[in-house]
Amino acid sequence: RVLTDDSQLKTLNKQKENVQKLLQCGIPIKVNNHEGIMHL
């Protein structure tokens, strides 16, 4: 399972490409839906 930051998906193309690859491997991804960032 992978948690990542929503703002990074929106601003970094490589982040979005890599998350898409994880999804293609069947890996569930969740992103923050709150005001702050998922900085872990």
Full PDB file with SEQRES, HELIX, SHEET, SSBOND, CRYST1, ORIGX, SCALE, CONECT and MASTER records, all heavy atoms in Angstrom:
SEQRES   1 A   40  ARG VAL LEU THR ASP ASP SER GLN LEU LYS THR LEU ASN          
SEQRES   2 A   40  LYS GLN LYS GLU ASN VAL GLN LYS LEU LEU GLN CYS GLY          
SEQRES   3 A   40  ILE PRO ILE LYS VAL ASN ASN HIS GLU GLY ILE MET HIS          
SEQRES   4 A   40  LEU                                                          
HELIX    1 AA1 ASP A    6  THR A   11  1                                   6    
HELIX    2 AA2 ASN A   13  GLN A   24  1                                  12    
SHEET    1 AA1 2 VAL A   2  THR A   4  0                                        
SHEET    2 AA1 2 ILE A  29  VAL A  31  1                                        
CRYST1    1.000    1.000    1.000  90.00  90.00  90.00 P 1           1          
ORIGX1      1.000000  0.000000  0.000000        0.00000                         
ORIGX2      0.000000  1.000000  0.000000        0.00000                         
ORIGX3      0.000000  0.000000  1.000000        0.00000                         
SCALE1      1.000000  0.000000  0.000000        0.00000                         
SCALE2      0.000000  1.000000  0.000000        0.00000                         
SCALE3      0.000000  0.000000  1.000000        0.00000                         
ATOM      1  N   ARG A   1       0.858  -1.181   0.000  1.00  0.00           N  
ATOM      2  CA  ARG A   1       0.000   0.000   0.000  1.00  0.00           C  
ATOM      3  C   ARG A   1       0.897   1.236   0.000  1.00  0.00           C  
ATOM      4  O   ARG A   1       1.923   1.250   0.686  1.00  0.00           O  
ATOM      5  CB  ARG A   1      -0.891   0.050   1.242  1.00  0.00           C  
ATOM      6  CG  ARG A   1      -1.784  -1.161   1.402  1.00  0.00           C  
ATOM      7  CD  ARG A   1      -2.673  -1.056   2.620  1.00  0.00           C  
ATOM      8  NE  ARG A   1      -1.894  -1.085   3.860  1.00  0.00           N  
ATOM      9  CZ  ARG A   1      -2.416  -0.953   5.076  1.00  0.00           C  
ATOM     10  NH1 ARG A   1      -3.711  -0.755   5.230  1.00  0.00           N  
ATOM     11  NH2 ARG A   1      -1.655  -0.993   6.148  1.00  0.00           N  
ATOM     12  N   VAL A   2       0.489   2.251  -0.753  1.00  0.00           N  
ATOM     13  CA  VAL A   2       1.300   3.470  -0.847  1.00  0.00           C  
ATOM     14  C   VAL A   2       0.442   4.693  -0.574  1.00  0.00           C  
ATOM     15  O   VAL A   2      -0.622   4.860  -1.174  1.00  0.00           O  
ATOM     16  CB  VAL A   2       1.961   3.595  -2.241  1.00  0.00           C  
ATOM     17  CG1 VAL A   2       2.714   4.915  -2.374  1.00  0.00           C  
ATOM     18  CG2 VAL A   2       2.901   2.416  -2.503  1.00  0.00           C  
ATOM     19  N   LEU A   3       0.926   5.537   0.343  1.00  0.00           N  
ATOM     20  CA  LEU A   3       0.372   6.866   0.571  1.00  0.00           C  
ATOM     21  C   LEU A   3       1.351   7.878  -0.008  1.00  0.00           C  
ATOM     22  O   LEU A   3       2.559   7.751   0.191  1.00  0.00           O  
ATOM     23  CB  LEU A   3       0.246   7.169   2.071  1.00  0.00           C  
ATOM     24  CG  LEU A   3      -0.793   6.449   2.899  1.00  0.00           C  
ATOM     25  CD1 LEU A   3      -0.628   6.826   4.370  1.00  0.00           C  
ATOM     26  CD2 LEU A   3      -2.190   6.797   2.432  1.00  0.00           C  
ATOM     27  N   THR A   4       0.847   8.865  -0.728  1.00  0.00           N  
ATOM     28  CA  THR A   4       1.719   9.917  -1.230  1.00  0.00           C  
ATOM     29  C   THR A   4       0.970  11.238  -1.242  1.00  0.00           C  
ATOM     30  O   THR A   4      -0.210  11.301  -0.906  1.00  0.00           O  
ATOM     31  CB  THR A   4       2.309   9.553  -2.616  1.00  0.00           C  
ATOM     32  OG1 THR A   4       3.395  10.444  -2.912  1.00  0.00           O  
ATOM     33  CG2 THR A   4       1.274   9.600  -3.707  1.00  0.00           C  
ATOM     34  N   ASP A   5       1.664  12.284  -1.637  1.00  0.00           N  
ATOM     35  CA  ASP A   5       1.116  13.627  -1.560  1.00  0.00           C  
ATOM     36  C   ASP A   5       0.414  14.026  -2.846  1.00  0.00           C  
ATOM     37  O   ASP A   5       0.984  13.930  -3.936  1.00  0.00           O  
ATOM     38  CB  ASP A   5       2.235  14.627  -1.251  1.00  0.00           C  
ATOM     39  CG  ASP A   5       1.701  16.016  -1.056  1.00  0.00           C  
ATOM     40  OD1 ASP A   5       1.001  16.234  -0.045  1.00  0.00           O  
ATOM     41  OD2 ASP A   5       1.953  16.878  -1.919  1.00  0.00           O  
ATOM     42  N   ASP A   6      -0.802  14.494  -2.712  1.00  0.00           N  
ATOM     43  CA  ASP A   6      -1.616  14.895  -3.855  1.00  0.00           C  
ATOM     44  C   ASP A   6      -0.987  16.057  -4.641  1.00  0.00           C  
ATOM     45  O   ASP A   6      -0.981  16.059  -5.869  1.00  0.00           O  
ATOM     46  CB  ASP A   6      -3.022  15.275  -3.385  1.00  0.00           C  
ATOM     47  CG  ASP A   6      -3.963  15.540  -4.533  1.00  0.00           C  
ATOM     48  OD1 ASP A   6      -4.124  14.645  -5.376  1.00  0.00           O  
ATOM     49  OD2 ASP A   6      -4.534  16.646  -4.583  1.00  0.00           O  
ATOM     50  N   SER A   7      -0.424  17.023  -3.935  1.00  0.00           N  
ATOM     51  CA  SER A   7       0.156  18.176  -4.630  1.00  0.00           C  
ATOM     52  C   SER A   7       1.353  17.779  -5.478  1.00  0.00           C  
ATOM     53  O   SER A   7       1.587  18.365  -6.544  1.00  0.00           O  
ATOM     54  CB  SER A   7       0.549  19.271  -3.634  1.00  0.00           C  
ATOM     55  OG  SER A   7       1.602  18.844  -2.794  1.00  0.00           O  
ATOM     56  N   GLN A   8       2.114  16.778  -5.038  1.00  0.00           N  
ATOM     57  CA  GLN A   8       3.265  16.323  -5.827  1.00  0.00           C  
ATOM     58  C   GLN A   8       2.801  15.608  -7.096  1.00  0.00           C  
ATOM     59  O   GLN A   8       3.447  15.699  -8.138  1.00  0.00           O  
ATOM     60  CB  GLN A   8       4.171  15.419  -4.992  1.00  0.00           C  
ATOM     61  CG  GLN A   8       4.774  16.105  -3.776  1.00  0.00           C  
ATOM     62  CD  GLN A   8       5.488  17.385  -4.130  1.00  0.00           C  
ATOM     63  OE1 GLN A   8       6.381  17.407  -4.975  1.00  0.00           O  
ATOM     64  NE2 GLN A   8       5.092  18.477  -3.498  1.00  0.00           N  
ATOM     65  N   LEU A   9       1.684  14.903  -7.018  1.00  0.00           N  
ATOM     66  CA  LEU A   9       1.127  14.266  -8.215  1.00  0.00           C  
ATOM     67  C   LEU A   9       0.674  15.301  -9.247  1.00  0.00           C  
ATOM     68  O   LEU A   9       0.747  15.063 -10.447  1.00  0.00           O  
ATOM     69  CB  LEU A   9      -0.061  13.379  -7.852  1.00  0.00           C  
ATOM     70  CG  LEU A   9       0.292  12.009  -7.309  1.00  0.00           C  
ATOM     71  CD1 LEU A   9      -0.937  11.348  -6.708  1.00  0.00           C  
ATOM     72  CD2 LEU A   9       0.895  11.145  -8.375  1.00  0.00           C  
ATOM     73  N   LYS A  10       0.226  16.428  -8.757  1.00  0.00           N  
ATOM     74  CA  LYS A  10      -0.258  17.471  -9.652  1.00  0.00           C  
ATOM     75  C   LYS A  10       0.867  18.308 -10.257  1.00  0.00           C  
ATOM     76  O   LYS A  10       0.683  18.910 -11.309  1.00  0.00           O  
ATOM     77  CB  LYS A  10      -1.231  18.384  -8.904  1.00  0.00           C  
ATOM     78  CG  LYS A  10      -2.527  17.683  -8.538  1.00  0.00           C  
ATOM     79  CD  LYS A  10      -3.414  18.574  -7.698  1.00  0.00           C  
ATOM     80  CE  LYS A  10      -4.695  17.834  -7.325  1.00  0.00           C  
ATOM     81  NZ  LYS A  10      -5.490  18.571  -6.347  1.00  0.00           N  
ATOM     82  N   THR A  11       2.019  18.348  -9.591  1.00  0.00           N  
ATOM     83  CA  THR A  11       3.090  19.234 -10.059  1.00  0.00           C  
ATOM     84  C   THR A  11       4.300  18.518 -10.649  1.00  0.00           C  
ATOM     85  O   THR A  11       5.048  19.127 -11.408  1.00  0.00           O  
ATOM     86  CB  THR A  11       3.573  20.156  -8.919  1.00  0.00           C  
ATOM     87  OG1 THR A  11       4.046  19.360  -7.834  1.00  0.00           O  
ATOM     88  CG2 THR A  11       2.457  21.074  -8.453  1.00  0.00           C  
ATOM     89  N   LEU A  12       4.518  17.258 -10.298  1.00  0.00           N  
ATOM     90  CA  LEU A  12       5.692  16.531 -10.786  1.00  0.00           C  
ATOM     91  C   LEU A  12       5.263  15.425 -11.755  1.00  0.00           C  
ATOM     92  O   LEU A  12       4.665  14.432 -11.336  1.00  0.00           O  
ATOM     93  CB  LEU A  12       6.474  15.904  -9.624  1.00  0.00           C  
ATOM     94  CG  LEU A  12       7.083  16.869  -8.611  1.00  0.00           C  
ATOM     95  CD1 LEU A  12       7.697  16.103  -7.454  1.00  0.00           C  
ATOM     96  CD2 LEU A  12       8.129  17.765  -9.280  1.00  0.00           C  
ATOM     97  N   ASN A  13       5.570  15.596 -13.019  1.00  0.00           N  
ATOM     98  CA  ASN A  13       5.193  14.591 -14.016  1.00  0.00           C  
ATOM     99  C   ASN A  13       5.786  13.230 -13.706  1.00  0.00           C  
ATOM    100  O   ASN A  13       5.129  12.203 -13.879  1.00  0.00           O  
ATOM    101  CB  ASN A  13       5.607  15.043 -15.427  1.00  0.00           C  
ATOM    102  CG  ASN A  13       4.728  16.159 -15.945  1.00  0.00           C  
ATOM    103  OD1 ASN A  13       3.562  16.282 -15.562  1.00  0.00           O  
ATOM    104  ND2 ASN A  13       5.283  16.979 -16.810  1.00  0.00           N  
ATOM    105  N   LYS A  14       7.034  13.196 -13.256  1.00  0.00           N  
ATOM    106  CA  LYS A  14       7.684  11.911 -12.950  1.00  0.00           C  
ATOM    107  C   LYS A  14       6.975  11.212 -11.785  1.00  0.00           C  
ATOM    108  O   LYS A  14       6.847   9.994 -11.771  1.00  0.00           O  
ATOM    109  CB  LYS A  14       9.170  12.136 -12.648  1.00  0.00           C  
ATOM    110  CG  LYS A  14       9.954  10.863 -12.561  1.00  0.00           C  
ATOM    111  CD  LYS A  14       9.963  10.125 -13.879  1.00  0.00           C  
ATOM    112  CE  LYS A  14      10.825   8.893 -13.795  1.00  0.00           C  
ATOM    113  NZ  LYS A  14      10.709   8.041 -14.963  1.00  0.00           N  
ATOM    114  N   GLN A  15       6.506  11.988 -10.822  1.00  0.00           N  
ATOM    115  CA  GLN A  15       5.743  11.406  -9.706  1.00  0.00           C  
ATOM    116  C   GLN A  15       4.472  10.750 -10.240  1.00  0.00           C  
ATOM    117  O   GLN A  15       4.145   9.614  -9.892  1.00  0.00           O  
ATOM    118  CB  GLN A  15       5.393  12.499  -8.691  1.00  0.00           C  
ATOM    119  CG  GLN A  15       4.501  12.021  -7.563  1.00  0.00           C  
ATOM    120  CD  GLN A  15       5.225  11.916  -6.254  1.00  0.00           C  
ATOM    121  OE1 GLN A  15       6.434  12.024  -6.185  1.00  0.00           O  
ATOM    122  NE2 GLN A  15       4.470  11.692  -5.198  1.00  0.00           N  
ATOM    123  N   LYS A  16       3.768  11.461 -11.099  1.00  0.00           N  
ATOM    124  CA  LYS A  16       2.529  10.925 -11.661  1.00  0.00           C  
ATOM    125  C   LYS A  16       2.805   9.670 -12.490  1.00  0.00           C  
ATOM    126  O   LYS A  16       2.089   8.668 -12.373  1.00  0.00           O  
ATOM    127  CB  LYS A  16       1.828  11.986 -12.517  1.00  0.00           C  
ATOM    128  CG  LYS A  16       0.455  11.586 -12.969  1.00  0.00           C  
ATOM    129  CD  LYS A  16      -0.259  12.740 -13.627  1.00  0.00           C  
ATOM    130  CE  LYS A  16      -1.696  12.346 -13.929  1.00  0.00           C  
ATOM    131  NZ  LYS A  16      -2.479  13.468 -14.430  1.00  0.00           N  
ATOM    132  N   GLU A  17       3.854   9.684 -13.308  1.00  0.00           N  
ATOM    133  CA  GLU A  17       4.226   8.505 -14.108  1.00  0.00           C  
ATOM    134  C   GLU A  17       4.533   7.310 -13.212  1.00  0.00           C  
ATOM    135  O   GLU A  17       4.094   6.186 -13.491  1.00  0.00           O  
ATOM    136  CB  GLU A  17       5.449   8.812 -14.971  1.00  0.00           C  
ATOM    137  CG  GLU A  17       5.210   9.768 -16.108  1.00  0.00           C  
ATOM    138  CD  GLU A  17       6.511  10.194 -16.782  1.00  0.00           C  
ATOM    139  OE1 GLU A  17       7.535   9.482 -16.649  1.00  0.00           O  
ATOM    140  OE2 GLU A  17       6.514  11.245 -17.442  1.00  0.00           O  
ATOM    141  N   ASN A  18       5.287   7.536 -12.145  1.00  0.00           N  
ATOM    142  CA  ASN A  18       5.656   6.434 -11.251  1.00  0.00           C  
ATOM    143  C   ASN A  18       4.458   5.883 -10.497  1.00  0.00           C  
ATOM    144  O   ASN A  18       4.331   4.670 -10.306  1.00  0.00           O  
ATOM    145  CB  ASN A  18       6.760   6.871 -10.295  1.00  0.00           C  
ATOM    146  CG  ASN A  18       8.116   6.916 -10.959  1.00  0.00           C  
ATOM    147  OD1 ASN A  18       8.339   6.283 -11.998  1.00  0.00           O  
ATOM    148  ND2 ASN A  18       9.036   7.663 -10.386  1.00  0.00           N  
ATOM    149  N   VAL A  19       3.554   6.759 -10.089  1.00  0.00           N  
ATOM    150  CA  VAL A  19       2.343   6.291  -9.406  1.00  0.00           C  
ATOM    151  C   VAL A  19       1.481   5.488 -10.381  1.00  0.00           C  
ATOM    152  O   VAL A  19       0.907   4.460 -10.007  1.00  0.00           O  
ATOM    153  CB  VAL A  19       1.594   7.481  -8.769  1.00  0.00           C  
ATOM    154  CG1 VAL A  19       0.188   7.089  -8.358  1.00  0.00           C  
ATOM    155  CG2 VAL A  19       2.379   7.996  -7.570  1.00  0.00           C  
ATOM    156  N   GLN A  20       1.409   5.922 -11.625  1.00  0.00           N  
ATOM    157  CA  GLN A  20       0.660   5.158 -12.635  1.00  0.00           C  
ATOM    158  C   GLN A  20       1.267   3.761 -12.807  1.00  0.00           C  
ATOM    159  O   GLN A  20       0.536   2.775 -12.953  1.00  0.00           O  
ATOM    160  CB  GLN A  20       0.630   5.902 -13.978  1.00  0.00           C  
ATOM    161  CG  GLN A  20      -0.213   7.162 -13.968  1.00  0.00           C  
ATOM    162  CD  GLN A  20      -1.678   6.912 -13.667  1.00  0.00           C  
ATOM    163  OE1 GLN A  20      -2.240   5.877 -13.987  1.00  0.00           O  
ATOM    164  NE2 GLN A  20      -2.307   7.877 -13.024  1.00  0.00           N  
ATOM    165  N   LYS A  21       2.588   3.669 -12.794  1.00  0.00           N  
ATOM    166  CA  LYS A  21       3.242   2.359 -12.909  1.00  0.00           C  
ATOM    167  C   LYS A  21       2.893   1.463 -11.717  1.00  0.00           C  
ATOM    168  O   LYS A  21       2.661   0.266 -11.882  1.00  0.00           O  
ATOM    169  CB  LYS A  21       4.759   2.529 -13.015  1.00  0.00           C  
ATOM    170  CG  LYS A  21       5.202   3.104 -14.344  1.00  0.00           C  
ATOM    171  CD  LYS A  21       6.698   3.362 -14.368  1.00  0.00           C  
ATOM    172  CE  LYS A  21       7.085   4.069 -15.661  1.00  0.00           C  
ATOM    173  NZ  LYS A  21       8.505   4.455 -15.675  1.00  0.00           N  
ATOM    174  N   LEU A  22       2.851   2.053 -10.528  1.00  0.00           N  
ATOM    175  CA  LEU A  22       2.460   1.274  -9.350  1.00  0.00           C  
ATOM    176  C   LEU A  22       1.017   0.786  -9.486  1.00  0.00           C  
ATOM    177  O   LEU A  22       0.717  -0.367  -9.172  1.00  0.00           O  
ATOM    178  CB  LEU A  22       2.630   2.103  -8.080  1.00  0.00           C  
ATOM    179  CG  LEU A  22       4.064   2.447  -7.674  1.00  0.00           C  
ATOM    180  CD1 LEU A  22       4.071   3.416  -6.500  1.00  0.00           C  
ATOM    181  CD2 LEU A  22       4.857   1.190  -7.346  1.00  0.00           C  
ATOM    182  N   LEU A  23       0.141   1.652  -9.970  1.00  0.00           N  
ATOM    183  CA  LEU A  23      -1.247   1.241 -10.195  1.00  0.00           C  
ATOM    184  C   LEU A  23      -1.324   0.104 -11.210  1.00  0.00           C  
ATOM    185  O   LEU A  23      -2.097  -0.838 -11.036  1.00  0.00           O  
ATOM    186  CB  LEU A  23      -2.086   2.429 -10.668  1.00  0.00           C  
ATOM    187  CG  LEU A  23      -2.424   3.487  -9.622  1.00  0.00           C  
ATOM    188  CD1 LEU A  23      -3.040   4.715 -10.278  1.00  0.00           C  
ATOM    189  CD2 LEU A  23      -3.350   2.929  -8.556  1.00  0.00           C  
ATOM    190  N   GLN A  24      -0.526   0.181 -12.257  1.00  0.00           N  
ATOM    191  CA  GLN A  24      -0.504  -0.878 -13.265  1.00  0.00           C  
ATOM    192  C   GLN A  24      -0.027  -2.201 -12.678  1.00  0.00           C  
ATOM    193  O   GLN A  24      -0.387  -3.262 -13.179  1.00  0.00           O  
ATOM    194  CB  GLN A  24       0.379  -0.466 -14.445  1.00  0.00           C  
ATOM    195  CG  GLN A  24      -0.227   0.637 -15.280  1.00  0.00           C  
ATOM    196  CD  GLN A  24       0.748   1.235 -16.283  1.00  0.00           C  
ATOM    197  OE1 GLN A  24       1.904   0.851 -16.354  1.00  0.00           O  
ATOM    198  NE2 GLN A  24       0.266   2.190 -17.059  1.00  0.00           N  
ATOM    199  N   CYS A  25       0.754  -2.138 -11.607  1.00  0.00           N  
ATOM    200  CA  CYS A  25       1.183  -3.355 -10.902  1.00  0.00           C  
ATOM    201  C   CYS A  25       0.121  -3.833  -9.915  1.00  0.00           C  
ATOM    202  O   CYS A  25       0.339  -4.818  -9.208  1.00  0.00           O  
ATOM    203  CB  CYS A  25       2.495  -3.091 -10.161  1.00  0.00           C  
ATOM    204  SG  CYS A  25       3.913  -2.872 -11.244  1.00  0.00           S  
ATOM    205  N   GLY A  26      -1.000  -3.131  -9.851  1.00  0.00           N  
ATOM    206  CA  GLY A  26      -2.086  -3.523  -8.951  1.00  0.00           C  
ATOM    207  C   GLY A  26      -1.927  -3.013  -7.536  1.00  0.00           C  
ATOM    208  O   GLY A  26      -2.578  -3.508  -6.619  1.00  0.00           O  
ATOM    209  N   ILE A  27      -1.078  -2.035  -7.340  1.00  0.00           N  
ATOM    210  CA  ILE A  27      -0.805  -1.505  -6.004  1.00  0.00           C  
ATOM    211  C   ILE A  27      -1.767  -0.361  -5.703  1.00  0.00           C  
ATOM    212  O   ILE A  27      -1.856   0.594  -6.472  1.00  0.00           O  
ATOM    213  CB  ILE A  27       0.661  -1.039  -5.899  1.00  0.00           C  
ATOM    214  CG1 ILE A  27       1.587  -2.248  -6.078  1.00  0.00           C  
ATOM    215  CG2 ILE A  27       0.925  -0.337  -4.576  1.00  0.00           C  
ATOM    216  CD1 ILE A  27       3.043  -1.904  -6.261  1.00  0.00           C  
ATOM    217  N   PRO A  28      -2.499  -0.448  -4.594  1.00  0.00           N  
ATOM    218  CA  PRO A  28      -3.408   0.644  -4.239  1.00  0.00           C  
ATOM    219  C   PRO A  28      -2.628   1.873  -3.761  1.00  0.00           C  
ATOM    220  O   PRO A  28      -1.653   1.756  -3.025  1.00  0.00           O  
ATOM    221  CB  PRO A  28      -4.269   0.058  -3.125  1.00  0.00           C  
ATOM    222  CG  PRO A  28      -3.452  -1.036  -2.541  1.00  0.00           C  
ATOM    223  CD  PRO A  28      -2.572  -1.554  -3.648  1.00  0.00           C  
ATOM    224  N   ILE A  29      -3.100   3.023  -4.202  1.00  0.00           N  
ATOM    225  CA  ILE A  29      -2.475   4.302  -3.861  1.00  0.00           C  
ATOM    226  C   ILE A  29      -3.533   5.190  -3.236  1.00  0.00           C  
ATOM    227  O   ILE A  29      -4.661   5.279  -3.737  1.00  0.00           O  
ATOM    228  CB  ILE A  29      -1.942   5.024  -5.124  1.00  0.00           C  
ATOM    229  CG1 ILE A  29      -1.073   4.114  -5.992  1.00  0.00           C  
ATOM    230  CG2 ILE A  29      -1.234   6.327  -4.753  1.00  0.00           C  
ATOM    231  CD1 ILE A  29       0.254   3.756  -5.437  1.00  0.00           C  
ATOM    232  N   LYS A  30      -3.165   5.869  -2.172  1.00  0.00           N  
ATOM    233  CA  LYS A  30      -4.037   6.895  -1.597  1.00  0.00           C  
ATOM    234  C   LYS A  30      -3.228   8.183  -1.465  1.00  0.00           C  
ATOM    235  O   LYS A  30      -2.016   8.155  -1.245  1.00  0.00           O  
ATOM    236  CB  LYS A  30      -4.597   6.466  -0.247  1.00  0.00           C  
ATOM    237  CG  LYS A  30      -5.614   5.336  -0.392  1.00  0.00           C  
ATOM    238  CD  LYS A  30      -6.510   5.221   0.797  1.00  0.00           C  
ATOM    239  CE  LYS A  30      -7.572   4.158   0.535  1.00  0.00           C  
ATOM    240  NZ  LYS A  30      -8.518   4.071   1.638  1.00  0.00           N  
ATOM    241  N   VAL A  31      -3.944   9.301  -1.621  1.00  0.00           N  
ATOM    242  CA  VAL A  31      -3.331  10.613  -1.494  1.00  0.00           C  
ATOM    243  C   VAL A  31      -4.086  11.426  -0.460  1.00  0.00           C  
ATOM    244  O   VAL A  31      -5.263  11.160  -0.188  1.00  0.00           O  
ATOM    245  CB  VAL A  31      -3.301  11.366  -2.849  1.00  0.00           C  
ATOM    246  CG1 VAL A  31      -2.423  10.644  -3.855  1.00  0.00           C  
ATOM    247  CG2 VAL A  31      -4.700  11.557  -3.407  1.00  0.00           C  
ATOM    248  N   ASN A  32      -3.403  12.409   0.085  1.00  0.00           N  
ATOM    249  CA  ASN A  32      -4.040  13.259   1.088  1.00  0.00           C  
ATOM    250  C   ASN A  32      -5.153  14.084   0.455  1.00  0.00           C  
ATOM    251  O   ASN A  32      -5.070  14.508  -0.688  1.00  0.00           O  
ATOM    252  CB  ASN A  32      -3.014  14.156   1.763  1.00  0.00           C  
ATOM    253  CG  ASN A  32      -2.243  15.009   0.779  1.00  0.00           C  
ATOM    254  OD1 ASN A  32      -1.646  14.488  -0.158  1.00  0.00           O  
ATOM    255  ND2 ASN A  32      -2.252  16.307   0.982  1.00  0.00           N  
ATOM    256  N   ASN A  33      -6.186  14.276   1.257  1.00  0.00           N  
ATOM    257  CA  ASN A  33      -7.360  15.041   0.842  1.00  0.00           C  
ATOM    258  C   ASN A  33      -7.612  16.153   1.856  1.00  0.00           C  
ATOM    259  O   ASN A  33      -8.706  16.651   1.974  1.00  0.00           O  
ATOM    260  CB  ASN A  33      -8.569  14.087   0.768  1.00  0.00           C  
ATOM    261  CG  ASN A  33      -9.724  14.678   0.020  1.00  0.00           C  
ATOM    262  OD1 ASN A  33      -9.551  15.431  -0.916  1.00  0.00           O  
ATOM    263  ND2 ASN A  33     -10.933  14.333   0.452  1.00  0.00           N  
ATOM    264  N   HIS A  34      -6.561  16.494   2.599  1.00  0.00           N  
ATOM    265  CA  HIS A  34      -6.690  17.520   3.633  1.00  0.00           C  
ATOM    266  C   HIS A  34      -5.884  18.755   3.239  1.00  0.00           C  
ATOM    267  O   HIS A  34      -5.173  18.760   2.234  1.00  0.00           O  
ATOM    268  CB  HIS A  34      -6.261  16.986   5.005  1.00  0.00           C  
ATOM    269  CG  HIS A  34      -4.892  16.373   5.034  1.00  0.00           C  
ATOM    270  ND1 HIS A  34      -3.733  17.127   5.015  1.00  0.00           N  
ATOM    271  CD2 HIS A  34      -4.493  15.083   5.073  1.00  0.00           C  
ATOM    272  CE1 HIS A  34      -2.687  16.330   5.060  1.00  0.00           C  
ATOM    273  NE2 HIS A  34      -3.118  15.085   5.094  1.00  0.00           N  
ATOM    274  N   GLU A  35      -5.985  19.774   4.020  1.00  0.00           N  
ATOM    275  CA  GLU A  35      -5.389  21.071   3.697  1.00  0.00           C  
ATOM    276  C   GLU A  35      -3.862  21.025   3.661  1.00  0.00           C  
ATOM    277  O   GLU A  35      -3.230  21.726   2.885  1.00  0.00           O  
ATOM    278  CB  GLU A  35      -5.857  22.096   4.732  1.00  0.00           C  
ATOM    279  CG  GLU A  35      -5.457  23.503   4.417  1.00  0.00           C  
ATOM    280  CD  GLU A  35      -6.030  24.473   5.425  1.00  0.00           C  
ATOM    281  OE1 GLU A  35      -7.247  24.416   5.676  1.00  0.00           O  
ATOM    282  OE2 GLU A  35      -5.261  25.277   5.951  1.00  0.00           O  
ATOM    283  N   GLY A  36      -3.252  20.211   4.487  1.00  0.00           N  
ATOM    284  CA  GLY A  36      -1.796  20.149   4.545  1.00  0.00           C  
ATOM    285  C   GLY A  36      -1.227  19.208   3.494  1.00  0.00           C  
ATOM    286  O   GLY A  36      -1.908  18.819   2.545  1.00  0.00           O  
ATOM    287  N   ILE A  37       0.034  18.856   3.674  1.00  0.00           N  
ATOM    288  CA  ILE A  37       0.687  17.931   2.763  1.00  0.00           C  
ATOM    289  C   ILE A  37       0.916  16.596   3.455  1.00  0.00           C  
ATOM    290  O   ILE A  37       0.949  16.516   4.675  1.00  0.00           O  
ATOM    291  CB  ILE A  37       2.031  18.501   2.229  1.00  0.00           C  
ATOM    292  CG1 ILE A  37       2.992  18.820   3.378  1.00  0.00           C  
ATOM    293  CG2 ILE A  37       1.788  19.723   1.366  1.00  0.00           C  
ATOM    294  CD1 ILE A  37       4.366  19.289   2.938  1.00  0.00           C  
ATOM    295  N   MET A  38       1.037  15.524   2.676  1.00  0.00           N  
ATOM    296  CA  MET A  38       1.393  14.207   3.206  1.00  0.00           C  
ATOM    297  C   MET A  38       2.926  14.160   3.129  1.00  0.00           C  
ATOM    298  O   MET A  38       3.489  13.816   2.107  1.00  0.00           O  
ATOM    299  CB  MET A  38       0.745  13.096   2.360  1.00  0.00           C  
ATOM    300  CG  MET A  38       0.654  11.732   3.045  1.00  0.00           C  
ATOM    301  SD  MET A  38       2.159  10.984   3.711  1.00  0.00           S  
ATOM    302  CE  MET A  38       3.176  10.809   2.264  1.00  0.00           C  
ATOM    303  N   HIS A  39       3.571  14.565   4.187  1.00  0.00           N  
ATOM    304  CA  HIS A  39       5.017  14.797   4.189  1.00  0.00           C  
ATOM    305  C   HIS A  39       5.812  13.656   4.804  1.00  0.00           C  
ATOM    306  O   HIS A  39       7.028  13.763   4.986  1.00  0.00           O  
ATOM    307  CB  HIS A  39       5.308  16.114   4.933  1.00  0.00           C  
ATOM    308  CG  HIS A  39       6.586  16.733   4.549  1.00  0.00           C  
ATOM    309  ND1 HIS A  39       7.659  16.815   5.403  1.00  0.00           N  
ATOM    310  CD2 HIS A  39       6.986  17.294   3.382  1.00  0.00           C  
ATOM    311  CE1 HIS A  39       8.656  17.406   4.794  1.00  0.00           C  
ATOM    312  NE2 HIS A  39       8.278  17.709   3.560  1.00  0.00           N  
ATOM    313  N   LEU A  40       5.176  12.552   5.109  1.00  0.00           N  
ATOM    314  CA  LEU A  40       5.883  11.417   5.697  1.00  0.00           C  
ATOM    315  C   LEU A  40       6.866  10.809   4.707  1.00  0.00           C  
ATOM    316  O   LEU A  40       6.653  10.837   3.499  1.00  0.00           O  
ATOM    317  CB  LEU A  40       4.890  10.340   6.136  1.00  0.00           C  
ATOM    318  CG  LEU A  40       3.912  10.737   7.236  1.00  0.00           C  
ATOM    319  CD1 LEU A  40       2.868   9.648   7.413  1.00  0.00           C  
ATOM    320  CD2 LEU A  40       4.645  11.007   8.526  1.00  0.00           C  
TER     321      LEU A  40                                                      
MASTER        0    0    0    2    2    0    0    6  320    1    0    4          
END                                                                             
